[in-house]
N, C-alpha and C. Protein backbone atom coordinates (compact mmCIF):
# COMPACT_ATOMS: atom_id res chain seq x y z
N UNK A 1 -28.19 23.30 -13.47
CA UNK A 1 -27.90 23.51 -12.08
C UNK A 1 -26.38 23.61 -11.89
N UNK A 2 -25.90 24.63 -11.22
CA UNK A 2 -24.47 24.86 -11.03
C UNK A 2 -23.94 23.98 -9.91
N UNK A 3 -22.70 23.53 -10.10
CA UNK A 3 -22.07 22.72 -9.06
C UNK A 3 -21.55 23.63 -7.96
N UNK A 4 -21.72 23.19 -6.75
CA UNK A 4 -21.27 23.95 -5.59
C UNK A 4 -19.80 23.60 -5.32
N UNK A 5 -18.97 24.62 -5.23
CA UNK A 5 -17.55 24.42 -4.93
C UNK A 5 -17.33 24.52 -3.43
N UNK A 6 -16.40 23.70 -2.90
CA UNK A 6 -16.14 23.79 -1.46
C UNK A 6 -15.48 25.13 -1.11
N UNK A 7 -15.77 25.62 0.07
CA UNK A 7 -15.23 26.91 0.49
C UNK A 7 -13.83 26.79 1.08
N UNK A 8 -13.45 25.59 1.51
CA UNK A 8 -12.12 25.37 2.11
C UNK A 8 -11.41 24.28 1.32
N UNK A 9 -10.18 24.56 0.92
CA UNK A 9 -9.36 23.57 0.21
C UNK A 9 -8.52 22.81 1.24
N UNK A 10 -8.47 21.48 1.18
CA UNK A 10 -7.65 20.74 2.14
C UNK A 10 -6.16 20.95 1.85
N UNK A 11 -5.38 20.99 2.92
CA UNK A 11 -3.93 21.11 2.77
C UNK A 11 -3.35 19.70 2.71
N UNK A 12 -2.82 19.33 1.56
CA UNK A 12 -2.26 18.00 1.38
C UNK A 12 -0.79 18.02 1.77
N UNK A 13 -0.41 17.09 2.59
CA UNK A 13 0.97 16.97 3.04
C UNK A 13 1.62 15.81 2.29
N UNK A 14 2.76 16.08 1.64
CA UNK A 14 3.45 15.01 0.92
C UNK A 14 4.08 14.06 1.93
N UNK A 15 3.74 12.80 1.83
CA UNK A 15 4.31 11.81 2.74
C UNK A 15 5.69 11.39 2.26
N UNK A 16 6.47 10.85 3.15
CA UNK A 16 7.81 10.38 2.80
C UNK A 16 7.84 8.86 2.75
N UNK A 17 6.69 8.22 2.63
CA UNK A 17 6.61 6.78 2.56
C UNK A 17 5.91 6.38 1.26
N UNK A 18 6.21 5.18 0.79
CA UNK A 18 5.56 4.68 -0.41
C UNK A 18 6.23 5.18 -1.68
N UNK A 19 5.57 5.01 -2.80
CA UNK A 19 6.12 5.43 -4.08
C UNK A 19 5.78 6.91 -4.30
N UNK A 20 6.75 7.75 -4.10
CA UNK A 20 6.57 9.16 -4.36
C UNK A 20 7.88 9.74 -4.86
N UNK A 21 7.89 10.98 -5.20
CA UNK A 21 9.08 11.60 -5.80
C UNK A 21 10.27 11.59 -4.84
N UNK A 22 10.03 11.88 -3.57
CA UNK A 22 11.12 11.89 -2.59
C UNK A 22 11.80 10.53 -2.50
N UNK A 23 11.01 9.46 -2.42
CA UNK A 23 11.57 8.12 -2.30
C UNK A 23 12.38 7.76 -3.53
N UNK A 24 11.91 8.12 -4.70
CA UNK A 24 12.63 7.80 -5.93
C UNK A 24 13.94 8.58 -6.02
N UNK A 25 13.94 9.83 -5.61
CA UNK A 25 15.17 10.62 -5.63
C UNK A 25 16.17 10.08 -4.61
N UNK A 26 15.71 9.72 -3.44
CA UNK A 26 16.60 9.18 -2.42
C UNK A 26 17.21 7.86 -2.88
N UNK A 27 16.41 7.00 -3.47
CA UNK A 27 16.90 5.72 -3.97
C UNK A 27 17.93 5.93 -5.07
N UNK A 28 17.68 6.85 -5.98
CA UNK A 28 18.63 7.13 -7.05
C UNK A 28 19.94 7.67 -6.53
N UNK A 29 19.88 8.56 -5.56
CA UNK A 29 21.11 9.13 -4.98
C UNK A 29 21.90 8.06 -4.23
N UNK A 30 21.22 7.20 -3.50
CA UNK A 30 21.90 6.12 -2.78
C UNK A 30 22.58 5.17 -3.77
N UNK A 31 21.92 4.89 -4.88
CA UNK A 31 22.52 4.02 -5.90
C UNK A 31 23.76 4.67 -6.51
N UNK A 32 23.72 5.97 -6.76
CA UNK A 32 24.89 6.66 -7.32
C UNK A 32 26.06 6.65 -6.34
N UNK A 33 25.78 6.87 -5.06
CA UNK A 33 26.84 6.85 -4.05
C UNK A 33 27.43 5.44 -3.95
N UNK A 34 26.58 4.43 -3.95
CA UNK A 34 27.06 3.05 -3.88
C UNK A 34 27.90 2.66 -5.08
N UNK A 35 27.48 3.08 -6.26
CA UNK A 35 28.23 2.76 -7.47
C UNK A 35 29.59 3.45 -7.45
N UNK A 36 29.63 4.71 -7.04
CA UNK A 36 30.90 5.44 -6.95
C UNK A 36 31.82 4.78 -5.93
N UNK A 37 31.26 4.36 -4.79
CA UNK A 37 32.07 3.68 -3.77
C UNK A 37 32.62 2.36 -4.31
N UNK A 38 31.83 1.63 -5.06
CA UNK A 38 32.27 0.38 -5.66
C UNK A 38 33.45 0.60 -6.59
N UNK A 39 33.37 1.62 -7.43
CA UNK A 39 34.45 1.93 -8.37
C UNK A 39 35.72 2.33 -7.61
N UNK A 40 35.58 3.16 -6.58
CA UNK A 40 36.75 3.60 -5.81
C UNK A 40 37.40 2.42 -5.09
N UNK A 41 36.60 1.56 -4.48
CA UNK A 41 37.17 0.41 -3.76
C UNK A 41 37.85 -0.54 -4.73
N UNK A 42 37.26 -0.75 -5.90
CA UNK A 42 37.91 -1.60 -6.91
C UNK A 42 39.27 -1.03 -7.31
N UNK A 43 39.34 0.28 -7.50
CA UNK A 43 40.58 0.93 -7.90
C UNK A 43 41.64 0.81 -6.80
N UNK A 44 41.25 1.02 -5.56
CA UNK A 44 42.20 1.01 -4.44
C UNK A 44 42.70 -0.41 -4.16
N UNK A 45 41.80 -1.40 -4.15
CA UNK A 45 42.19 -2.77 -3.80
C UNK A 45 42.67 -3.58 -4.99
N UNK A 46 42.40 -3.11 -6.19
CA UNK A 46 42.77 -3.82 -7.42
C UNK A 46 42.14 -5.21 -7.49
N UNK A 47 40.94 -5.35 -6.94
CA UNK A 47 40.18 -6.61 -6.99
C UNK A 47 38.74 -6.31 -7.39
N UNK A 48 38.12 -7.27 -8.06
CA UNK A 48 36.72 -7.09 -8.42
C UNK A 48 35.82 -7.53 -7.26
N UNK A 49 34.54 -7.18 -7.29
CA UNK A 49 33.64 -7.52 -6.18
C UNK A 49 33.50 -9.02 -5.94
N UNK A 50 33.61 -9.83 -6.98
CA UNK A 50 33.52 -11.28 -6.78
C UNK A 50 34.71 -11.79 -5.98
N UNK A 51 35.88 -11.19 -6.17
CA UNK A 51 37.05 -11.59 -5.39
C UNK A 51 36.87 -11.20 -3.92
N UNK A 52 36.21 -10.09 -3.64
CA UNK A 52 35.95 -9.70 -2.25
C UNK A 52 35.09 -10.72 -1.56
N UNK A 53 34.15 -11.30 -2.31
CA UNK A 53 33.21 -12.26 -1.73
C UNK A 53 33.76 -13.69 -1.74
N UNK A 54 34.95 -13.89 -2.33
CA UNK A 54 35.52 -15.22 -2.41
C UNK A 54 34.90 -16.06 -3.50
N UNK A 55 34.30 -15.44 -4.49
CA UNK A 55 33.63 -16.17 -5.58
C UNK A 55 34.40 -16.11 -6.89
N UNK A 56 35.60 -15.56 -6.86
CA UNK A 56 36.37 -15.41 -8.08
C UNK A 56 36.87 -16.77 -8.56
N UNK A 57 36.89 -16.94 -9.88
CA UNK A 57 37.35 -18.21 -10.45
C UNK A 57 38.87 -18.28 -10.57
N UNK A 58 39.56 -17.21 -10.30
CA UNK A 58 41.02 -17.20 -10.41
C UNK A 58 41.66 -17.83 -9.22
């Protein structure tokens, strides 16, 4: 007996919530921007992030 195929295919919409490719790309890009900003601020202020927070042992 042959299987009956549906005549209409549902249109799937990619959501922007949860674990999906868009969320992972956005998270990765935000991390790269944050890391670059951290390096630039360290270079400009000549202090490490612990010194900014008042946690430096020096």
